[in-house]
Amino acid sequence: MDSRRRGTALLVAGCFFMEMLDGTIVSTAAPQIAHDLHTTPASVGLIITAYLVTLAVLVPLSGWLTARFGPRRVFLAAIAVFTLASLACAVAPNLGVLVGMRVLQGIGGAMMVPVGRLIVLAGTAKQDLPRAVAYIVWPGLAAPVVAPLLGGLITTYASWHWIFLLNVPLGALALLVARRLIAPGTPGETAPLDVTGVLLTCTGLAALTWTAHLVSETRGTPAEAAVTGAIAVVALVAAVRHLLRAPNPLVNLRTLDVPSFRASALDGSLYMAVVSAIPFLLPLLFQEVFGWSAVKSGAVVLFVFVGNIGIKPATTYLINRFGFRPLLIVSTLGLAGATAGCALFTAATPVSVIAVVAALGGAARSVGLSGYATIAFSETPQERLRDANALFATSHQLAAGLGVAIVTVALRGGAALTDDPRSAYAVAFVALGLLCLLPTAGALRLHQTAGDAVRTVAAGQERVPRSTVSDSRKSE
């Protein structure tokens, strides 16, 4: 993997970090923002939802826009929009303007990472794919873990404006680096935009994300959540029917024909939901039940990131040495065990024990998501890469948002079963651990040689893809 390609992967990783950080860090500053803008903390939840809904709705458009205008142009525009919108968020005079600028920020974020990842994947040799994906994935994994501590420090020692102002120098630097690293390209021939697919898909994703918001924020009534949930189901079912029949669909669901990609898009999304829920649930346990400060809570959750970064240098070696199937089985089981193990935490549990469990869970999530992100494109034909990238980004982005809603429902279920707050959290952690076993079942169904096209042996020679072996046997 040459230095230019490695630099591009790190650039996309930085953009991924900014996007994920802005989806989580704002919640810690809600009381301060509400006070300054003369509104309620509950209303501030809109600035989180507006961002997440925009991301979920517009990610499917990334593939068509890339084909229509070229990846370099879309990527640079996305970084510029995200950066300028961050500055506008910092100087917003009222809640309405802040929500509007968060929508604009979400527009930039929805294009930044999918298009940037496509740029990296399109020019990377198969044997270099695990390393490229590892560079991209781990900074994004760090963002939700770093957010509680960083948000606590900013709100304690500075002001909420710095949550958004931090993006300005980072975005400006990313724009300069992108202009230097990414070569101009010529947009190819594109089919007309699938307007029906846009309307159905965007309506379904928006309704589903809003339903998750109603559930997770305890806003509205059960009837409202039921109505928006029903709209989401109807729209998404209609969208799937349309996308499977349209000659030039907005999102090509036929990419799911590839078993390794299907495992990443479906099982990997369930895994992502669990991963995204942990940094949300742990700080709540520490602060609401154990009585810890936001800074102490954030510092302990940071050990998840220690596990992430500690295992990162070994992920490519592990993939090459053991293959995807064993690695995904171990990582899903490891995350399930670490998550369920959190149910045993009490206020008397030594911080060192909590830190070790958090680090082990962090290592498992890093290996697992790196594995899913790599195997997704290991056997995907080059001509389907853009479609697969759009579908992968959509499914994982949606799962990241739904993870919080899932754990909120589990927490309420636990509260209904017991009067002890710690026991309610224990129920939620066990439920998440059980959910993580579904990807384990999917990993067990994978073929032993799944993803071998991107693996290399110790001598550096490329392994023979399963399709090549099958073809040779047929010829015999």
Protein backbone atom coordinates (compact mmCIF):
# COMPACT_ATOMS: atom_id res chain seq x y z
CA MET A 1 0.00 0.00 0.00
CA ASP A 2 1.72 3.19 -1.18
CA SER A 3 1.99 6.39 0.86
CA ARG A 4 -0.57 8.27 -1.24
CA ARG A 5 -3.19 5.56 -0.77
CA ARG A 6 -2.39 5.33 2.94
CA GLY A 7 -2.70 9.10 3.29
CA THR A 8 -6.09 9.06 1.55
CA ALA A 9 -7.30 6.31 3.91
CA LEU A 10 -6.20 8.34 6.94
CA LEU A 11 -7.90 11.42 5.50
CA VAL A 12 -11.19 9.52 5.20
CA ALA A 13 -10.63 8.19 8.73
CA GLY A 14 -10.40 11.76 10.02
CA CYS A 15 -13.65 12.64 8.26
CA PHE A 16 -15.26 9.52 9.74
CA PHE A 17 -14.13 10.62 13.20
CA MET A 18 -15.67 14.09 12.77
CA GLU A 19 -18.96 12.66 11.49
CA MET A 20 -19.33 10.11 14.31
CA LEU A 21 -18.20 12.56 17.00
CA ASP A 22 -20.82 15.12 16.02
CA GLY A 23 -23.53 12.49 16.24
CA THR A 24 -22.82 11.80 19.93
CA ILE A 25 -20.95 14.61 21.67
CA VAL A 26 -23.78 17.16 21.55
CA SER A 27 -25.86 15.27 24.13
CA THR A 28 -23.38 16.12 26.91
CA ALA A 29 -23.81 19.83 26.23
CA ALA A 30 -27.62 19.82 26.08
CA PRO A 31 -28.17 21.68 29.41
CA GLN A 32 -25.63 24.40 28.54
CA ILE A 33 -27.03 24.86 25.03
CA ALA A 34 -30.58 25.03 26.40
CA HIS A 35 -29.58 27.70 28.91
CA ASP A 36 -27.79 29.89 26.35
CA LEU A 37 -30.52 29.59 23.71
CA HIS A 38 -33.36 30.04 26.22
CA THR A 39 -35.03 26.69 25.60
CA THR A 40 -35.38 23.32 27.35
CA PRO A 41 -32.85 20.46 27.34
CA ALA A 42 -35.54 18.21 25.84
CA SER A 43 -35.89 20.55 22.86
CA VAL A 44 -32.13 20.42 22.29
CA GLY A 45 -32.62 16.76 21.39
CA LEU A 46 -33.82 18.04 18.01
CA ILE A 47 -30.29 19.06 17.05
CA ILE A 48 -29.17 15.45 17.52
CA THR A 49 -32.13 13.98 15.68
CA ALA A 50 -31.94 16.47 12.79
CA TYR A 51 -28.34 15.43 12.18
CA LEU A 52 -28.99 11.67 12.40
CA VAL A 53 -32.13 11.81 10.23
CA THR A 54 -30.28 13.78 7.54
CA LEU A 55 -27.43 11.26 7.54
CA ALA A 56 -29.79 8.30 7.26
CA VAL A 57 -31.87 9.88 4.49
CA LEU A 58 -29.08 11.13 2.23
CA VAL A 59 -26.46 8.36 2.44
CA PRO A 60 -28.27 6.30 -0.24
CA LEU A 61 -27.85 9.22 -2.66
CA SER A 62 -24.06 9.12 -2.35
CA GLY A 63 -23.64 6.48 -5.06
CA TRP A 64 -25.64 8.36 -7.70
CA LEU A 65 -24.05 11.73 -6.89
CA THR A 66 -20.59 10.19 -7.13
CA ALA A 67 -21.36 8.76 -10.55
CA ARG A 68 -22.94 12.01 -11.73
CA PHE A 69 -20.36 14.55 -10.55
CA GLY A 70 -17.24 12.49 -9.81
CA PRO A 71 -15.90 11.38 -6.40
CA ARG A 72 -13.34 14.17 -5.97
CA ARG A 73 -15.84 16.95 -6.56
CA VAL A 74 -18.47 15.44 -4.25
CA PHE A 75 -15.93 14.66 -1.51
CA LEU A 76 -14.44 18.16 -1.50
CA ALA A 77 -17.90 19.75 -1.51
CA ALA A 78 -18.98 17.51 1.38
CA ILE A 79 -16.00 18.51 3.53
CA ALA A 80 -16.59 22.20 2.77
CA VAL A 81 -20.30 22.00 3.60
CA PHE A 82 -19.65 20.09 6.84
CA THR A 83 -16.97 22.56 7.96
CA LEU A 84 -18.96 25.71 7.15
CA ALA A 85 -22.07 24.25 8.76
CA SER A 86 -20.03 23.50 11.92
CA LEU A 87 -18.97 27.14 12.08
CA ALA A 88 -22.58 28.25 11.58
CA CYS A 89 -23.69 25.92 14.40
CA ALA A 90 -21.19 27.55 16.76
CA VAL A 91 -22.57 31.05 16.12
CA ALA A 92 -26.27 30.11 15.87
CA PRO A 93 -28.38 32.71 17.73
CA ASN A 94 -31.35 30.46 18.46
CA LEU A 95 -32.53 26.85 18.40
CA GLY A 96 -34.21 27.11 15.00
CA VAL A 97 -31.04 28.26 13.27
CA LEU A 98 -28.99 25.63 15.11
CA VAL A 99 -31.33 22.84 13.96
CA GLY A 100 -31.16 24.13 10.38
CA MET A 101 -27.37 24.20 10.44
CA ARG A 102 -27.30 20.68 11.87
CA VAL A 103 -29.32 19.55 8.87
CA LEU A 104 -26.75 21.22 6.62
CA GLN A 105 -23.98 19.55 8.60
CA GLY A 106 -25.73 16.21 8.10
CA ILE A 107 -25.84 16.80 4.34
CA GLY A 108 -22.06 17.16 4.31
CA GLY A 109 -21.56 14.18 6.63
CA ALA A 110 -23.81 11.94 4.54
CA MET A 111 -21.53 12.41 1.53
CA MET A 112 -18.14 12.66 3.23
CA VAL A 113 -17.48 9.16 4.48
CA PRO A 114 -19.24 6.98 1.86
CA VAL A 115 -17.65 8.88 -1.03
CA GLY A 116 -14.26 9.00 0.70
CA ARG A 117 -14.37 5.27 1.39
CA LEU A 118 -15.27 4.62 -2.26
CA ILE A 119 -12.23 6.63 -3.38
CA VAL A 120 -9.99 4.45 -1.20
CA LEU A 121 -11.59 1.15 -2.19
CA ALA A 122 -11.65 1.84 -5.91
CA GLY A 123 -7.88 2.20 -6.14
CA THR A 124 -6.76 -0.37 -3.57
CA ALA A 125 -5.49 -3.82 -4.51
CA LYS A 126 -7.37 -6.72 -2.94
CA GLN A 127 -4.45 -7.77 -0.74
CA ASP A 128 -4.15 -4.22 0.64
CA LEU A 129 -7.85 -3.94 1.48
CA PRO A 130 -7.64 -5.12 5.13
CA ARG A 131 -4.98 -2.53 5.95
CA ALA A 132 -6.86 0.28 4.17
CA VAL A 133 -10.10 -0.56 5.98
CA ALA A 134 -8.29 -0.75 9.33
CA TYR A 135 -7.01 2.80 8.81
CA ILE A 136 -10.53 4.03 8.06
CA VAL A 137 -12.49 2.17 10.73
CA TRP A 138 -10.76 2.63 14.07
CA PRO A 139 -10.90 6.47 14.33
CA GLY A 140 -14.66 6.31 13.71
CA LEU A 141 -14.98 3.70 16.45
CA ALA A 142 -13.10 5.98 18.81
CA ALA A 143 -15.48 8.94 18.37
CA PRO A 144 -18.49 7.67 20.39
CA VAL A 145 -16.12 6.49 23.12
CA VAL A 146 -14.14 9.73 23.33
CA ALA A 147 -17.31 11.85 23.15
CA PRO A 148 -18.43 11.53 26.82
CA LEU A 149 -15.03 12.61 28.17
CA LEU A 150 -14.41 15.28 25.55
CA GLY A 151 -17.94 16.64 25.91
CA GLY A 152 -17.62 16.69 29.69
CA LEU A 153 -14.32 18.56 29.54
CA ILE A 154 -15.61 21.11 27.03
CA THR A 155 -18.82 21.84 28.93
CA THR A 156 -16.97 21.97 32.27
CA TYR A 157 -14.01 24.15 31.30
CA ALA A 158 -15.14 25.96 28.12
CA SER A 159 -18.46 26.48 26.31
CA TRP A 160 -20.63 24.36 24.05
CA HIS A 161 -19.59 26.43 21.01
CA TRP A 162 -16.24 24.62 21.00
CA ILE A 163 -18.00 21.32 20.25
CA PHE A 164 -18.60 22.71 16.76
CA LEU A 165 -15.59 25.02 16.47
CA LEU A 166 -13.24 22.03 16.80
CA ASN A 167 -14.43 20.90 13.36
CA VAL A 168 -13.35 24.13 11.65
CA PRO A 169 -9.54 23.66 11.70
CA LEU A 170 -9.95 19.90 11.21
CA GLY A 171 -12.23 20.44 8.22
CA ALA A 172 -9.97 23.10 6.70
CA LEU A 173 -6.97 20.79 7.02
CA ALA A 174 -8.94 17.89 5.52
CA LEU A 175 -9.94 20.08 2.56
CA LEU A 176 -6.34 21.09 1.86
CA VAL A 177 -5.10 17.50 2.14
CA ALA A 178 -7.92 16.18 -0.05
CA ARG A 179 -7.13 18.68 -2.81
CA ARG A 180 -3.55 17.47 -2.84
CA LEU A 181 -4.12 13.71 -2.50
CA ILE A 182 -7.20 13.02 -4.61
CA ALA A 183 -6.69 13.24 -8.33
CA PRO A 184 -9.40 14.80 -10.52
CA GLY A 185 -11.58 12.31 -12.34
CA THR A 186 -13.98 12.45 -15.23
CA PRO A 187 -17.61 11.71 -14.31
CA GLY A 188 -18.95 8.74 -16.25
CA GLU A 189 -22.29 8.13 -17.88
CA THR A 190 -25.06 7.99 -15.31
CA ALA A 191 -28.59 6.70 -15.46
CA PRO A 192 -31.43 9.10 -14.61
CA LEU A 193 -32.03 9.57 -10.90
CA ASP A 194 -34.49 7.03 -9.51
CA VAL A 195 -36.98 9.56 -8.17
CA THR A 196 -39.45 6.93 -6.94
CA GLY A 197 -36.64 5.14 -5.13
CA VAL A 198 -35.52 8.41 -3.55
CA LEU A 199 -39.00 9.24 -2.28
CA LEU A 200 -39.75 5.77 -0.88
CA THR A 201 -36.29 5.14 0.58
CA CYS A 202 -35.90 8.58 2.12
CA THR A 203 -39.40 8.53 3.58
CA GLY A 204 -38.86 5.09 5.09
CA LEU A 205 -35.44 5.88 6.54
CA ALA A 206 -36.60 9.25 7.91
CA ALA A 207 -39.66 7.69 9.55
CA LEU A 208 -37.61 4.85 11.02
CA THR A 209 -34.97 7.23 12.41
CA TRP A 210 -37.66 9.50 13.86
CA THR A 211 -39.36 6.49 15.47
CA ALA A 212 -36.05 5.54 17.06
CA HIS A 213 -35.76 9.12 18.34
CA LEU A 214 -39.25 9.01 19.87
CA VAL A 215 -38.41 5.75 21.60
CA SER A 216 -34.93 6.70 22.83
CA GLU A 217 -35.79 10.22 23.97
CA THR A 218 -39.12 9.22 25.60
CA ARG A 219 -40.75 11.96 23.55
CA GLY A 220 -44.28 11.82 22.26
CA THR A 221 -46.77 9.06 22.97
CA PRO A 222 -46.69 5.36 22.14
CA ALA A 223 -49.33 6.09 19.52
CA GLU A 224 -47.03 8.57 17.76
CA ALA A 225 -44.18 6.07 17.72
CA ALA A 226 -46.54 3.40 16.40
CA VAL A 227 -47.76 5.65 13.58
CA THR A 228 -44.28 6.71 12.44
CA GLY A 229 -43.08 3.12 12.78
CA ALA A 230 -45.94 1.93 10.58
CA ILE A 231 -45.11 4.60 7.98
CA ALA A 232 -41.49 3.42 8.04
CA VAL A 233 -42.45 -0.22 7.51
CA VAL A 234 -44.86 0.52 4.66
CA ALA A 235 -42.44 2.89 2.90
CA LEU A 236 -39.44 0.56 3.26
CA VAL A 237 -41.38 -2.52 2.06
CA ALA A 238 -42.55 -0.52 -0.95
CA ALA A 239 -38.98 0.72 -1.47
CA VAL A 240 -37.58 -2.82 -1.47
CA ARG A 241 -40.19 -3.97 -4.01
CA HIS A 242 -39.40 -0.99 -6.23
CA LEU A 243 -35.60 -1.29 -5.94
CA LEU A 244 -35.71 -4.96 -6.92
CA ARG A 245 -37.75 -4.20 -10.05
CA ALA A 246 -36.34 -0.86 -11.22
CA PRO A 247 -33.82 -1.02 -14.10
CA ASN A 248 -31.62 1.66 -12.50
CA PRO A 249 -32.45 1.64 -8.77
CA LEU A 250 -31.19 4.25 -6.31
CA VAL A 251 -29.70 1.41 -4.23
CA ASN A 252 -28.94 -1.87 -5.96
CA LEU A 253 -30.19 -4.59 -3.60
CA ARG A 254 -28.86 -7.24 -5.96
CA THR A 255 -25.43 -6.70 -4.43
CA LEU A 256 -26.77 -8.84 -1.56
CA ASP A 257 -26.37 -11.84 -3.88
CA VAL A 258 -22.70 -11.92 -2.84
CA PRO A 259 -22.67 -13.98 0.43
CA SER A 260 -19.75 -12.15 2.03
CA PHE A 261 -21.32 -8.75 1.33
CA ARG A 262 -24.71 -9.95 2.57
CA ALA A 263 -23.12 -11.06 5.85
CA SER A 264 -21.50 -7.67 6.29
CA ALA A 265 -24.61 -5.67 5.42
CA LEU A 266 -27.00 -7.72 7.60
CA ASP A 267 -25.00 -9.35 10.42
CA GLY A 268 -22.55 -6.45 10.48
CA SER A 269 -25.42 -4.01 11.00
CA LEU A 270 -26.66 -5.95 14.04
CA TYR A 271 -23.10 -5.92 15.36
CA MET A 272 -22.91 -2.16 14.73
CA ALA A 273 -26.11 -1.62 16.71
CA VAL A 274 -24.53 -3.28 19.76
CA VAL A 275 -21.27 -1.38 19.28
CA SER A 276 -23.06 1.98 19.13
CA ALA A 277 -25.17 1.23 22.20
CA ILE A 278 -22.29 0.53 24.61
CA PRO A 279 -20.84 4.10 24.80
CA PHE A 280 -24.40 5.32 25.40
CA LEU A 281 -25.32 2.83 28.13
CA LEU A 282 -22.09 2.73 30.16
CA PRO A 283 -21.97 6.48 31.00
CA LEU A 284 -25.64 6.35 32.06
CA LEU A 285 -24.87 3.48 34.45
CA PHE A 286 -21.83 5.24 35.87
CA GLN A 287 -23.55 8.60 36.37
CA GLU A 288 -27.14 7.69 37.24
CA VAL A 289 -26.51 4.57 39.35
CA PHE A 290 -22.92 4.86 40.59
CA GLY A 291 -23.06 8.64 41.03
CA TRP A 292 -19.84 9.36 39.12
CA SER A 293 -19.05 12.71 37.54
CA ALA A 294 -19.22 13.17 33.76
CA VAL A 295 -15.44 13.47 33.59
CA LYS A 296 -14.77 10.29 35.62
CA SER A 297 -17.40 8.40 33.68
CA GLY A 298 -15.94 9.54 30.36
CA ALA A 299 -12.42 8.65 31.47
CA VAL A 300 -13.40 5.06 32.30
CA VAL A 301 -15.40 4.62 29.08
CA LEU A 302 -12.23 5.74 27.31
CA PHE A 303 -10.77 2.29 28.04
CA VAL A 304 -13.01 0.98 25.25
CA PHE A 305 -10.86 3.13 22.96
CA VAL A 306 -7.72 1.69 24.60
CA GLY A 307 -8.88 -1.74 23.48
CA ASN A 308 -9.68 -0.38 20.01
CA ILE A 309 -6.29 1.14 19.41
CA GLY A 310 -4.41 -1.61 21.23
CA ILE A 311 -5.61 -4.33 18.84
CA LYS A 312 -5.59 -2.18 15.70
CA PRO A 313 -1.97 -2.92 14.60
CA ALA A 314 -2.76 -6.65 14.71
CA THR A 315 -6.08 -6.68 12.80
CA THR A 316 -4.54 -7.12 9.35
CA TYR A 317 -2.24 -9.88 10.63
CA LEU A 318 -5.15 -11.65 12.31
CA ILE A 319 -7.24 -11.52 9.14
CA ASN A 320 -4.38 -12.91 7.05
CA ARG A 321 -3.47 -15.54 9.62
CA PHE A 322 -6.88 -16.93 10.59
CA GLY A 323 -9.38 -15.74 7.98
CA PHE A 324 -12.66 -13.89 8.35
CA ARG A 325 -14.94 -16.66 9.60
CA PRO A 326 -12.95 -17.58 12.76
CA LEU A 327 -12.20 -13.92 13.45
CA LEU A 328 -15.86 -12.86 13.22
CA ILE A 329 -16.95 -15.78 15.40
CA VAL A 330 -14.44 -14.86 18.12
CA SER A 331 -15.07 -11.11 17.94
CA THR A 332 -18.87 -11.42 18.10
CA LEU A 333 -18.64 -13.88 20.99
CA GLY A 334 -16.07 -11.65 22.69
CA LEU A 335 -18.26 -8.55 22.42
CA ALA A 336 -21.31 -10.52 23.59
CA GLY A 337 -19.39 -11.75 26.64
CA ALA A 338 -17.91 -8.35 27.50
CA THR A 339 -21.30 -6.67 27.09
CA ALA A 340 -23.15 -9.21 29.22
CA GLY A 341 -20.29 -8.98 31.74
CA CYS A 342 -21.15 -5.32 32.31
CA ALA A 343 -24.37 -6.57 33.97
CA LEU A 344 -22.22 -7.65 36.94
CA PHE A 345 -20.85 -4.16 37.60
CA THR A 346 -21.79 -2.55 40.91
CA ALA A 347 -20.67 0.64 42.63
CA ALA A 348 -18.21 -1.54 44.61
CA THR A 349 -16.61 -3.08 41.52
CA PRO A 350 -12.97 -1.91 41.27
CA VAL A 351 -12.42 0.61 38.51
CA SER A 352 -9.51 -1.52 37.27
CA VAL A 353 -11.87 -4.46 36.64
CA ILE A 354 -14.34 -2.25 34.78
CA ALA A 355 -11.48 -0.83 32.72
CA VAL A 356 -10.25 -4.32 31.75
CA VAL A 357 -13.72 -5.46 30.65
CA ALA A 358 -14.19 -2.22 28.68
CA ALA A 359 -10.81 -2.68 26.97
CA LEU A 360 -11.58 -6.31 26.06
CA GLY A 361 -14.91 -5.23 24.60
CA GLY A 362 -13.14 -2.46 22.71
CA ALA A 363 -10.68 -4.92 21.20
CA ALA A 364 -13.52 -7.21 20.11
CA ARG A 365 -15.49 -4.38 18.50
CA SER A 366 -12.40 -3.15 16.62
CA VAL A 367 -11.61 -6.57 15.18
CA GLY A 368 -15.25 -7.30 14.37
CA LEU A 369 -16.05 -4.05 12.57
CA SER A 370 -12.74 -4.14 10.70
CA GLY A 371 -13.63 -7.67 9.61
CA TYR A 372 -17.14 -6.76 8.48
CA ALA A 373 -15.97 -3.60 6.69
CA THR A 374 -13.28 -5.56 4.83
CA ILE A 375 -15.22 -8.68 3.90
CA ALA A 376 -18.02 -6.47 2.57
CA PHE A 377 -15.97 -5.63 -0.52
CA SER A 378 -13.66 -8.66 -0.68
CA GLU A 379 -15.67 -10.51 -3.32
CA THR A 380 -17.76 -7.65 -4.71
CA PRO A 381 -17.13 -7.12 -8.44
CA GLN A 382 -15.56 -3.77 -9.34
CA GLU A 383 -18.60 -2.70 -11.35
CA ARG A 384 -20.82 -3.15 -8.28
CA LEU A 385 -18.49 -1.43 -5.84
CA ARG A 386 -20.33 1.90 -5.86
CA ASP A 387 -23.71 0.22 -5.25
CA ALA A 388 -22.31 -2.00 -2.49
CA ASN A 389 -20.65 0.96 -0.79
CA ALA A 390 -23.91 2.94 -0.73
CA LEU A 391 -25.88 0.01 0.70
CA PHE A 392 -23.18 -0.79 3.26
CA ALA A 393 -23.06 2.84 4.43
CA THR A 394 -26.86 3.06 4.66
CA SER A 395 -27.30 -0.15 6.66
CA HIS A 396 -24.51 0.60 9.13
CA GLN A 397 -25.50 4.25 9.58
CA LEU A 398 -29.07 3.21 10.30
CA ALA A 399 -27.91 0.52 12.72
CA ALA A 400 -25.78 3.02 14.64
CA GLY A 401 -28.87 5.15 15.24
CA LEU A 402 -31.14 2.24 16.07
CA GLY A 403 -28.70 0.84 18.63
CA VAL A 404 -29.57 3.58 21.12
CA ALA A 405 -33.31 2.97 20.62
CA ILE A 406 -32.85 -0.78 21.14
CA VAL A 407 -30.98 -0.31 24.40
CA THR A 408 -33.53 2.27 25.60
CA VAL A 409 -36.34 -0.24 25.11
CA ALA A 410 -34.27 -2.89 26.92
CA LEU A 411 -33.62 -0.47 29.78
CA ARG A 412 -37.32 0.28 30.14
CA GLY A 413 -38.09 -3.41 30.07
CA GLY A 414 -35.57 -3.95 32.83
CA ALA A 415 -37.11 -1.14 34.87
CA ALA A 416 -40.53 -2.78 34.49
CA LEU A 417 -39.17 -6.07 35.83
CA THR A 418 -37.35 -4.68 38.87
CA ASP A 419 -37.36 -1.67 41.18
CA ASP A 420 -33.57 -1.71 41.46
CA PRO A 421 -31.97 0.70 38.91
CA ARG A 422 -28.77 -1.35 38.72
CA SER A 423 -30.76 -4.48 37.92
CA ALA A 424 -32.57 -2.63 35.14
CA TYR A 425 -29.21 -1.82 33.57
CA ALA A 426 -28.14 -5.44 34.04
CA VAL A 427 -31.17 -6.56 32.01
CA ALA A 428 -30.26 -4.10 29.26
CA PHE A 429 -26.63 -5.31 29.10
CA VAL A 430 -27.69 -8.96 28.97
CA ALA A 431 -30.20 -8.15 26.20
CA LEU A 432 -27.43 -6.48 24.18
CA GLY A 433 -25.17 -9.47 24.74
CA LEU A 434 -27.86 -11.82 23.45
CA LEU A 435 -28.44 -9.58 20.42
CA CYS A 436 -24.73 -9.86 19.61
CA LEU A 437 -25.11 -13.65 19.34
CA LEU A 438 -27.16 -13.21 16.15
CA PRO A 439 -24.07 -12.05 14.21
CA THR A 440 -22.26 -15.03 15.74
CA ALA A 441 -24.82 -17.34 14.18
CA GLY A 442 -24.32 -15.55 10.86
CA ALA A 443 -20.54 -15.91 11.11
CA LEU A 444 -20.93 -19.66 11.72
CA ARG A 445 -22.82 -19.91 8.42
CA LEU A 446 -20.04 -18.23 6.44
CA HIS A 447 -17.97 -20.41 4.14
CA GLN A 448 -14.49 -21.23 5.46
CA THR A 449 -12.86 -19.39 2.54
CA ALA A 450 -15.13 -16.31 2.59
CA GLY A 451 -13.07 -13.21 1.93
CA ASP A 452 -9.92 -15.11 0.96
CA ALA A 453 -9.55 -12.89 -2.12
CA VAL A 454 -8.14 -10.14 0.11
CA ARG A 455 -5.99 -12.34 2.36
CA THR A 456 -2.26 -12.89 1.87
CA VAL A 457 -0.02 -15.69 3.12
CA ALA A 458 3.14 -15.08 5.09
CA ALA A 459 5.24 -14.89 1.96
CA GLY A 460 3.10 -12.08 0.68
CA GLN A 461 1.45 -14.07 -2.10
CA GLU A 462 -2.23 -13.60 -2.74
CA ARG A 463 -4.46 -16.46 -1.72
CA VAL A 464 -6.52 -18.08 -4.41
CA PRO A 465 -10.13 -16.84 -4.27
CA ARG A 466 -12.76 -19.50 -3.75
CA SER A 467 -14.37 -18.69 -7.11
CA THR A 468 -11.04 -19.40 -8.87
CA VAL A 469 -10.70 -22.74 -7.09
CA SER A 470 -14.23 -23.68 -8.03
CA ASP A 471 -13.67 -22.75 -11.67
CA SER A 472 -10.48 -24.81 -11.85
CA ARG A 473 -12.23 -27.83 -10.38
CA LYS A 474 -15.02 -27.51 -12.91
CA SER A 475 -12.49 -27.42 -15.74
CA GLU A 476 -10.99 -30.67 -14.51
